[in-house]
Amino acid sequence: MKRATYKAVIYEERDDGSGNLVLKKVTTSQWVTVPQMAATIGVAPQTMYRFIENSGALPFFRFGSLIKVRVDDFLAWLEKCKDAEYERPGAK
């Protein structure tokens, strides 16, 4: 019996030089790397590394020094973040 393979496609926006935004395919695999996730949501890779390792909100797998996340977990995390409330530390 053949297992079904589910692949997600994540795109990043790029300027084509004439002021138009074009979508560039980032991945069609079942795994994404930290730089790919960072580019998708528009943050620096270092920010994404800190978030993944410190928050525990996004399950990840470490392969030596490489961190990868399942695309399904990343997309589920993005959905959770959509309506999340945030209170700045120290705000009254």
PDB file of N, CA and C in Angstrom:
ATOM      1  N   MET A   1       0.841  -1.184   0.000  1.00  0.00           N
ATOM      2  CA  MET A   1       0.000   0.000   0.000  1.00  0.00           C
ATOM      3  C   MET A   1       0.887   1.248   0.000  1.00  0.00           C
ATOM      4  N   LYS A   2       0.614   2.149  -0.894  1.00  0.00           N
ATOM      5  CA  LYS A   2       1.405   3.361  -1.000  1.00  0.00           C
ATOM      6  C   LYS A   2       0.847   4.447  -0.082  1.00  0.00           C
ATOM      7  N   ARG A   3       1.726   5.055   0.689  1.00  0.00           N
ATOM      8  CA  ARG A   3       1.310   6.133   1.584  1.00  0.00           C
ATOM      9  C   ARG A   3       1.115   7.416   0.803  1.00  0.00           C
ATOM     10  N   ALA A   4       0.120   8.166   1.189  1.00  0.00           N
ATOM     11  CA  ALA A   4      -0.113   9.464   0.558  1.00  0.00           C
ATOM     12  C   ALA A   4       0.955  10.447   1.034  1.00  0.00           C
ATOM     13  N   THR A   5       1.455  11.220   0.126  1.00  0.00           N
ATOM     14  CA  THR A   5       2.446  12.229   0.469  1.00  0.00           C
ATOM     15  C   THR A   5       1.808  13.592   0.333  1.00  0.00           C
ATOM     16  N   TYR A   6       1.826  14.341   1.409  1.00  0.00           N
ATOM     17  CA  TYR A   6       1.249  15.679   1.403  1.00  0.00           C
ATOM     18  C   TYR A   6       2.376  16.686   1.381  1.00  0.00           C
ATOM     19  N   LYS A   7       2.303  17.583   0.451  1.00  0.00           N
ATOM     20  CA  LYS A   7       3.334  18.611   0.347  1.00  0.00           C
ATOM     21  C   LYS A   7       2.666  19.969   0.336  1.00  0.00           C
ATOM     22  N   ALA A   8       3.257  20.905   1.032  1.00  0.00           N
ATOM     23  CA  ALA A   8       2.757  22.276   1.041  1.00  0.00           C
ATOM     24  C   ALA A   8       3.716  23.139   0.247  1.00  0.00           C
ATOM     25  N   VAL A   9       3.193  24.157  -0.341  1.00  0.00           N
ATOM     26  CA  VAL A   9       4.023  25.090  -1.080  1.00  0.00           C
ATOM     27  C   VAL A   9       3.983  26.409  -0.336  1.00  0.00           C
ATOM     28  N   ILE A  10       5.142  26.915   0.012  1.00  0.00           N
ATOM     29  CA  ILE A  10       5.239  28.190   0.699  1.00  0.00           C
ATOM     30  C   ILE A  10       5.923  29.161  -0.249  1.00  0.00           C
ATOM     31  N   TYR A  11       5.366  30.343  -0.357  1.00  0.00           N
ATOM     32  CA  TYR A  11       5.896  31.353  -1.254  1.00  0.00           C
ATOM     33  C   TYR A  11       6.415  32.538  -0.457  1.00  0.00           C
ATOM     34  N   GLU A  12       7.380  33.250  -1.028  1.00  0.00           N
ATOM     35  CA  GLU A  12       7.809  34.504  -0.433  1.00  0.00           C
ATOM     36  C   GLU A  12       7.620  35.597  -1.464  1.00  0.00           C
ATOM     37  N   GLU A  13       7.277  36.789  -0.999  1.00  0.00           N
ATOM     38  CA  GLU A  13       7.064  37.911  -1.898  1.00  0.00           C
ATOM     39  C   GLU A  13       8.401  38.523  -2.272  1.00  0.00           C
ATOM     40  N   ARG A  14       8.553  38.835  -3.539  1.00  0.00           N
ATOM     41  CA  ARG A  14       9.768  39.493  -4.031  1.00  0.00           C
ATOM     42  C   ARG A  14       9.360  40.641  -4.927  1.00  0.00           C
ATOM     43  N   ASP A  15      10.118  41.713  -4.896  1.00  0.00           N
ATOM     44  CA  ASP A  15       9.910  42.832  -5.788  1.00  0.00           C
ATOM     45  C   ASP A  15      10.601  42.501  -7.109  1.00  0.00           C
ATOM     46  N   ASP A  16       9.898  42.678  -8.229  1.00  0.00           N
ATOM     47  CA  ASP A  16      10.494  42.328  -9.521  1.00  0.00           C
ATOM     48  C   ASP A  16      11.309  43.468 -10.123  1.00  0.00           C
ATOM     49  N   GLY A  17      11.508  44.539  -9.373  1.00  0.00           N
ATOM     50  CA  GLY A  17      12.313  45.653  -9.860  1.00  0.00           C
ATOM     51  C   GLY A  17      11.494  46.782 -10.451  1.00  0.00           C
ATOM     52  N   SER A  18      10.260  46.496 -10.823  1.00  0.00           N
ATOM     53  CA  SER A  18       9.408  47.548 -11.393  1.00  0.00           C
ATOM     54  C   SER A  18       8.252  47.892 -10.458  1.00  0.00           C
ATOM     55  N   GLY A  19       8.382  47.539  -9.201  1.00  0.00           N
ATOM     56  CA  GLY A  19       7.363  47.875  -8.214  1.00  0.00           C
ATOM     57  C   GLY A  19       6.275  46.830  -8.053  1.00  0.00           C
ATOM     58  N   ASN A  20       6.356  45.750  -8.782  1.00  0.00           N
ATOM     59  CA  ASN A  20       5.369  44.677  -8.669  1.00  0.00           C
ATOM     60  C   ASN A  20       5.881  43.586  -7.745  1.00  0.00           C
ATOM     61  N   LEU A  21       4.964  43.016  -6.990  1.00  0.00           N
ATOM     62  CA  LEU A  21       5.319  41.893  -6.134  1.00  0.00           C
ATOM     63  C   LEU A  21       5.065  40.599  -6.878  1.00  0.00           C
ATOM     64  N   VAL A  22       6.033  39.709  -6.835  1.00  0.00           N
ATOM     65  CA  VAL A  22       5.873  38.384  -7.425  1.00  0.00           C
ATOM     66  C   VAL A  22       6.104  37.357  -6.333  1.00  0.00           C
ATOM     67  N   LEU A  23       5.485  36.220  -6.475  1.00  0.00           N
ATOM     68  CA  LEU A  23       5.639  35.150  -5.500  1.00  0.00           C
ATOM     69  C   LEU A  23       6.665  34.158  -6.013  1.00  0.00           C
ATOM     70  N   LYS A  24       7.662  33.873  -5.161  1.00  0.00           N
ATOM     71  CA  LYS A  24       8.691  32.900  -5.512  1.00  0.00           C
ATOM     72  C   LYS A  24       8.479  31.668  -4.646  1.00  0.00           C
ATOM     73  N   LYS A  25       8.432  30.497  -5.266  1.00  0.00           N
ATOM     74  CA  LYS A  25       8.225  29.261  -4.529  1.00  0.00           C
ATOM     75  C   LYS A  25       9.437  28.994  -3.641  1.00  0.00           C
ATOM     76  N   VAL A  26       9.183  28.764  -2.354  1.00  0.00           N
ATOM     77  CA  VAL A  26      10.258  28.503  -1.410  1.00  0.00           C
ATOM     78  C   VAL A  26      10.474  27.010  -1.242  1.00  0.00           C
ATOM     79  N   THR A  27       9.404  26.252  -1.087  1.00  0.00           N
ATOM     80  CA  THR A  27       9.559  24.822  -0.853  1.00  0.00           C
ATOM     81  C   THR A  27       8.313  24.055  -1.260  1.00  0.00           C
ATOM     82  N   THR A  28       8.505  22.826  -1.626  1.00  0.00           N
ATOM     83  CA  THR A  28       7.378  21.910  -1.825  1.00  0.00           C
ATOM     84  C   THR A  28       7.613  20.649  -1.011  1.00  0.00           C
ATOM     85  N   SER A  29       8.554  20.688  -0.103  1.00  0.00           N
ATOM     86  CA  SER A  29       8.871  19.505   0.693  1.00  0.00           C
ATOM     87  C   SER A  29       7.986  19.428   1.927  1.00  0.00           C
ATOM     88  N   GLN A  30       8.148  18.379   2.685  1.00  0.00           N
ATOM     89  CA  GLN A  30       7.385  18.215   3.913  1.00  0.00           C
ATOM     90  C   GLN A  30       8.057  18.921   5.081  1.00  0.00           C
ATOM     91  N   TRP A  31       9.250  19.444   4.886  1.00  0.00           N
ATOM     92  CA  TRP A  31      10.018  20.094   5.938  1.00  0.00           C
ATOM     93  C   TRP A  31      10.430  21.495   5.491  1.00  0.00           C
ATOM     94  N   VAL A  32      10.513  22.413   6.433  1.00  0.00           N
ATOM     95  CA  VAL A  32      11.039  23.745   6.147  1.00  0.00           C
ATOM     96  C   VAL A  32      12.175  24.032   7.111  1.00  0.00           C
ATOM     97  N   THR A  33      13.112  24.834   6.650  1.00  0.00           N
ATOM     98  CA  THR A  33      14.224  25.237   7.497  1.00  0.00           C
ATOM     99  C   THR A  33      13.888  26.563   8.161  1.00  0.00           C
ATOM    100  N   VAL A  34      14.679  26.925   9.129  1.00  0.00           N
ATOM    101  CA  VAL A  34      14.450  28.178   9.836  1.00  0.00           C
ATOM    102  C   VAL A  34      14.564  29.385   8.901  1.00  0.00           C
ATOM    103  N   PRO A  35      15.576  29.467   8.031  1.00  0.00           N
ATOM    104  CA  PRO A  35      15.606  30.610   7.109  1.00  0.00           C
ATOM    105  C   PRO A  35      14.385  30.685   6.185  1.00  0.00           C
ATOM    106  N   GLN A  36      13.850  29.535   5.770  1.00  0.00           N
ATOM    107  CA  GLN A  36      12.646  29.548   4.944  1.00  0.00           C
ATOM    108  C   GLN A  36      11.445  30.073   5.718  1.00  0.00           C
ATOM    109  N   MET A  37      11.304  29.651   6.982  1.00  0.00           N
ATOM    110  CA  MET A  37      10.197  30.153   7.807  1.00  0.00           C
ATOM    111  C   MET A  37      10.345  31.635   8.058  1.00  0.00           C
ATOM    112  N   ALA A  38      11.571  32.068   8.344  1.00  0.00           N
ATOM    113  CA  ALA A  38      11.813  33.480   8.613  1.00  0.00           C
ATOM    114  C   ALA A  38      11.475  34.330   7.393  1.00  0.00           C
ATOM    115  N   ALA A  39      11.872  33.886   6.211  1.00  0.00           N
ATOM    116  CA  ALA A  39      11.570  34.630   4.989  1.00  0.00           C
ATOM    117  C   ALA A  39      10.065  34.672   4.727  1.00  0.00           C
ATOM    118  N   THR A  40       9.370  33.599   5.066  1.00  0.00           N
ATOM    119  CA  THR A  40       7.929  33.535   4.844  1.00  0.00           C
ATOM    120  C   THR A  40       7.184  34.562   5.680  1.00  0.00           C
ATOM    121  N   ILE A  41       7.605  34.732   6.947  1.00  0.00           N
ATOM    122  CA  ILE A  41       6.883  35.670   7.812  1.00  0.00           C
ATOM    123  C   ILE A  41       7.574  37.018   7.936  1.00  0.00           C
ATOM    124  N   GLY A  42       8.728  37.175   7.293  1.00  0.00           N
ATOM    125  CA  GLY A  42       9.374  38.480   7.245  1.00  0.00           C
ATOM    126  C   GLY A  42      10.164  38.880   8.477  1.00  0.00           C
ATOM    127  N   VAL A  43      10.833  37.927   9.103  1.00  0.00           N
ATOM    128  CA  VAL A  43      11.703  38.239  10.240  1.00  0.00           C
ATOM    129  C   VAL A  43      13.093  37.707   9.942  1.00  0.00           C
ATOM    130  N   ALA A  44      14.057  38.124  10.737  1.00  0.00           N
ATOM    131  CA  ALA A  44      15.427  37.641  10.570  1.00  0.00           C
ATOM    132  C   ALA A  44      15.513  36.184  11.031  1.00  0.00           C
ATOM    133  N   PRO A  45      16.369  35.392  10.395  1.00  0.00           N
ATOM    134  CA  PRO A  45      16.520  33.995  10.825  1.00  0.00           C
ATOM    135  C   PRO A  45      16.903  33.868  12.301  1.00  0.00           C
ATOM    136  N   GLN A  46      17.729  34.793  12.800  1.00  0.00           N
ATOM    137  CA  GLN A  46      18.118  34.729  14.211  1.00  0.00           C
ATOM    138  C   GLN A  46      16.904  34.878  15.125  1.00  0.00           C
ATOM    139  N   THR A  47      15.959  35.721  14.743  1.00  0.00           N
ATOM    140  CA  THR A  47      14.735  35.888  15.519  1.00  0.00           C
ATOM    141  C   THR A  47      13.939  34.590  15.540  1.00  0.00           C
ATOM    142  N   MET A  48      13.856  33.940  14.397  1.00  0.00           N
ATOM    143  CA  MET A  48      13.113  32.688  14.309  1.00  0.00           C
ATOM    144  C   MET A  48      13.799  31.590  15.116  1.00  0.00           C
ATOM    145  N   TYR A  49      15.139  31.517  15.039  1.00  0.00           N
ATOM    146  CA  TYR A  49      15.877  30.537  15.851  1.00  0.00           C
ATOM    147  C   TYR A  49      15.581  30.741  17.332  1.00  0.00           C
ATOM    148  N   ARG A  50      15.659  31.996  17.802  1.00  0.00           N
ATOM    149  CA  ARG A  50      15.393  32.286  19.216  1.00  0.00           C
ATOM    150  C   ARG A  50      13.981  31.887  19.590  1.00  0.00           C
ATOM    151  N   PHE A  51      13.026  32.219  18.748  1.00  0.00           N
ATOM    152  CA  PHE A  51      11.639  31.899  19.050  1.00  0.00           C
ATOM    153  C   PHE A  51      11.433  30.388  19.144  1.00  0.00           C
ATOM    154  N   ILE A  52      11.942  29.657  18.174  1.00  0.00           N
ATOM    155  CA  ILE A  52      11.736  28.202  18.143  1.00  0.00           C
ATOM    156  C   ILE A  52      12.361  27.539  19.358  1.00  0.00           C
ATOM    157  N   GLU A  53      13.581  27.918  19.675  1.00  0.00           N
ATOM    158  CA  GLU A  53      14.281  27.244  20.764  1.00  0.00           C
ATOM    159  C   GLU A  53      13.793  27.675  22.137  1.00  0.00           C
ATOM    160  N   ASN A  54      13.307  28.906  22.286  1.00  0.00           N
ATOM    161  CA  ASN A  54      12.930  29.412  23.604  1.00  0.00           C
ATOM    162  C   ASN A  54      11.453  29.272  23.933  1.00  0.00           C
ATOM    163  N   SER A  55      10.573  29.326  22.941  1.00  0.00           N
ATOM    164  CA  SER A  55       9.148  29.361  23.253  1.00  0.00           C
ATOM    165  C   SER A  55       8.529  27.981  23.426  1.00  0.00           C
ATOM    166  N   GLY A  56       8.969  27.018  22.635  1.00  0.00           N
ATOM    167  CA  GLY A  56       8.378  25.693  22.706  1.00  0.00           C
ATOM    168  C   GLY A  56       7.020  25.605  22.028  1.00  0.00           C
ATOM    169  N   ALA A  57       6.574  26.680  21.380  1.00  0.00           N
ATOM    170  CA  ALA A  57       5.266  26.690  20.727  1.00  0.00           C
ATOM    171  C   ALA A  57       5.276  25.986  19.383  1.00  0.00           C
ATOM    172  N   LEU A  58       6.453  25.816  18.817  1.00  0.00           N
ATOM    173  CA  LEU A  58       6.576  25.209  17.490  1.00  0.00           C
ATOM    174  C   LEU A  58       7.489  23.998  17.591  1.00  0.00           C
ATOM    175  N   PRO A  59       6.943  22.783  17.411  1.00  0.00           N
ATOM    176  CA  PRO A  59       7.796  21.593  17.518  1.00  0.00           C
ATOM    177  C   PRO A  59       8.821  21.552  16.387  1.00  0.00           C
ATOM    178  N   PHE A  60      10.051  21.215  16.738  1.00  0.00           N
ATOM    179  CA  PHE A  60      11.111  21.174  15.729  1.00  0.00           C
ATOM    180  C   PHE A  60      11.954  19.926  15.915  1.00  0.00           C
ATOM    181  N   PHE A  61      12.715  19.625  14.891  1.00  0.00           N
ATOM    182  CA  PHE A  61      13.626  18.490  14.914  1.00  0.00           C
ATOM    183  C   PHE A  61      15.020  19.015  14.620  1.00  0.00           C
ATOM    184  N   ARG A  62      15.973  18.536  15.384  1.00  0.00           N
ATOM    185  CA  ARG A  62      17.354  18.964  15.181  1.00  0.00           C
ATOM    186  C   ARG A  62      18.117  17.808  14.547  1.00  0.00           C
ATOM    187  N   PHE A  63      18.701  18.092  13.389  1.00  0.00           N
ATOM    188  CA  PHE A  63      19.536  17.136  12.687  1.00  0.00           C
ATOM    189  C   PHE A  63      20.953  17.691  12.721  1.00  0.00           C
ATOM    190  N   GLY A  64      21.709  17.331  13.735  1.00  0.00           N
ATOM    191  CA  GLY A  64      23.019  17.942  13.929  1.00  0.00           C
ATOM    192  C   GLY A  64      22.821  19.403  14.289  1.00  0.00           C
ATOM    193  N   SER A  65      23.364  20.302  13.486  1.00  0.00           N
ATOM    194  CA  SER A  65      23.180  21.728  13.751  1.00  0.00           C
ATOM    195  C   SER A  65      22.006  22.307  12.957  1.00  0.00           C
ATOM    196  N   LEU A  66      21.348  21.484  12.144  1.00  0.00           N
ATOM    197  CA  LEU A  66      20.245  21.931  11.310  1.00  0.00           C
ATOM    198  C   LEU A  66      18.920  21.723  12.025  1.00  0.00           C
ATOM    199  N   ILE A  67      18.095  22.755  12.054  1.00  0.00           N
ATOM    200  CA  ILE A  67      16.758  22.672  12.650  1.00  0.00           C
ATOM    201  C   ILE A  67      15.743  22.679  11.517  1.00  0.00           C
ATOM    202  N   LYS A  68      14.828  21.714  11.564  1.00  0.00           N
ATOM    203  CA  LYS A  68      13.757  21.654  10.575  1.00  0.00           C
ATOM    204  C   LYS A  68      12.425  21.480  11.284  1.00  0.00           C
ATOM    205  N   VAL A  69      11.376  21.976  10.627  1.00  0.00           N
ATOM    206  CA  VAL A  69      10.013  21.912  11.155  1.00  0.00           C
ATOM    207  C   VAL A  69       9.126  21.309  10.073  1.00  0.00           C
ATOM    208  N   ARG A  70       8.193  20.491  10.473  1.00  0.00           N
ATOM    209  CA  ARG A  70       7.240  19.953   9.501  1.00  0.00           C
ATOM    210  C   ARG A  70       6.369  21.099   8.987  1.00  0.00           C
ATOM    211  N   VAL A  71       6.094  21.070   7.697  1.00  0.00           N
ATOM    212  CA  VAL A  71       5.299  22.131   7.084  1.00  0.00           C
ATOM    213  C   VAL A  71       3.921  22.212   7.743  1.00  0.00           C
ATOM    214  N   ASP A  72       3.314  21.075   8.029  1.00  0.00           N
ATOM    215  CA  ASP A  72       1.996  21.077   8.671  1.00  0.00           C
ATOM    216  C   ASP A  72       2.033  21.769  10.026  1.00  0.00           C
ATOM    217  N   ASP A  73       3.089  21.528  10.816  1.00  0.00           N
ATOM    218  CA  ASP A  73       3.228  22.187  12.116  1.00  0.00           C
ATOM    219  C   ASP A  73       3.415  23.688  11.945  1.00  0.00           C
ATOM    220  N   PHE A  74       4.207  24.084  10.956  1.00  0.00           N
ATOM    221  CA  PHE A  74       4.445  25.515  10.698  1.00  0.00           C
ATOM    222  C   PHE A  74       3.154  26.216  10.289  1.00  0.00           C
ATOM    223  N   LEU A  75       2.388  25.599   9.400  1.00  0.00           N
ATOM    224  CA  LEU A  75       1.139  26.209   8.949  1.00  0.00           C
ATOM    225  C   LEU A  75       0.106  26.268  10.075  1.00  0.00           C
ATOM    226  N   ALA A  76       0.074  25.247  10.917  1.00  0.00           N
ATOM    227  CA  ALA A  76      -0.837  25.262  12.073  1.00  0.00           C
ATOM    228  C   ALA A  76      -0.445  26.370  13.040  1.00  0.00           C
ATOM    229  N   TRP A  77       0.857  26.546  13.245  1.00  0.00           N
ATOM    230  CA  TRP A  77       1.341  27.611  14.127  1.00  0.00           C
ATOM    231  C   TRP A  77       0.973  28.980  13.560  1.00  0.00           C
ATOM    232  N   LEU A  78       1.106  29.156  12.244  1.00  0.00           N
ATOM    233  CA  LEU A  78       0.716  30.421  11.618  1.00  0.00           C
ATOM    234  C   LEU A  78      -0.762  30.715  11.834  1.00  0.00           C
ATOM    235  N   GLU A  79      -1.605  29.692  11.724  1.00  0.00           N
ATOM    236  CA  GLU A  79      -3.042  29.879  11.954  1.00  0.00           C
ATOM    237  C   GLU A  79      -3.316  30.305  13.393  1.00  0.00           C
ATOM    238  N   LYS A  80      -2.587  29.699  14.349  1.00  0.00           N
ATOM    239  CA  LYS A  80      -2.767  30.073  15.751  1.00  0.00           C
ATOM    240  C   LYS A  80      -2.357  31.515  15.996  1.00  0.00           C
ATOM    241  N   CYS A  81      -1.340  31.968  15.273  1.00  0.00           N
ATOM    242  CA  CYS A  81      -0.834  33.329  15.457  1.00  0.00           C
ATOM    243  C   CYS A  81      -1.743  34.384  14.840  1.00  0.00           C
ATOM    244  N   LYS A  82      -2.646  33.958  13.958  1.00  0.00           N
ATOM    245  CA  LYS A  82      -3.461  34.911  13.212  1.00  0.00           C
ATOM    246  C   LYS A  82      -4.255  35.838  14.132  1.00  0.00           C
ATOM    247  N   ASP A  83      -4.902  35.316  15.131  1.00  0.00           N
ATOM    248  CA  ASP A  83      -5.742  36.120  16.012  1.00  0.00           C
ATOM    249  C   ASP A  83      -5.182  36.205  17.425  1.00  0.00           C
ATOM    250  N   ALA A  84      -3.898  35.950  17.573  1.00  0.00           N
ATOM    251  CA  ALA A  84      -3.297  35.957  18.909  1.00  0.00           C
ATOM    252  C   ALA A  84      -3.223  37.379  19.459  1.00  0.00           C
ATOM    253  N   GLU A  85      -3.446  37.493  20.754  1.00  0.00           N
ATOM    254  CA  GLU A  85      -3.320  38.790  21.415  1.00  0.00           C
ATOM    255  C   GLU A  85      -1.935  38.888  22.019  1.00  0.00           C
ATOM    256  N   TYR A  86      -1.435  40.096  22.086  1.00  0.00           N
ATOM    257  CA  TYR A  86      -0.091  40.309  22.613  1.00  0.00           C
ATOM    258  C   TYR A  86      -0.113  41.485  23.557  1.00  0.00           C
ATOM    259  N   GLU A  87       0.529  41.304  24.691  1.00  0.00           N
ATOM    260  CA  GLU A  87       0.673  42.399  25.636  1.00  0.00           C
ATOM    261  C   GLU A  87       2.153  42.641  25.819  1.00  0.00           C
ATOM    262  N   ARG A  88       2.572  43.883  25.574  1.00  0.00           N
ATOM    263  CA  ARG A  88       3.984  44.201  25.692  1.00  0.00           C
ATOM    264  C   ARG A  88       4.436  44.034  27.134  1.00  0.00           C
ATOM    265  N   PRO A  89       5.622  43.471  27.337  1.00  0.00           N
ATOM    266  CA  PRO A  89       6.142  43.364  28.693  1.00  0.00           C
ATOM    267  C   PRO A  89       6.327  44.753  29.296  1.00  0.00           C
ATOM    268  N   GLY A  90       5.857  44.922  30.495  1.00  0.00           N
ATOM    269  CA  GLY A  90       5.990  46.214  31.180  1.00  0.00           C
ATOM    270  C   GLY A  90       4.877  47.192  30.855  1.00  0.00           C
ATOM    271  N   ALA A  91       3.969  46.854  29.959  1.00  0.00           N
ATOM    272  CA  ALA A  91       2.862  47.754  29.614  1.00  0.00           C
ATOM    273  C   ALA A  91       1.819  47.708  30.717  1.00  0.00           C
ATOM    274  N   LYS A  92       1.204  48.842  30.952  1.00  0.00           N
ATOM    275  CA  LYS A  92       0.192  48.902  32.014  1.00  0.00           C
ATOM    276  C   LYS A  92      -1.179  48.950  31.449  1.00  0.00           C
TER     277      LYS A  92
END
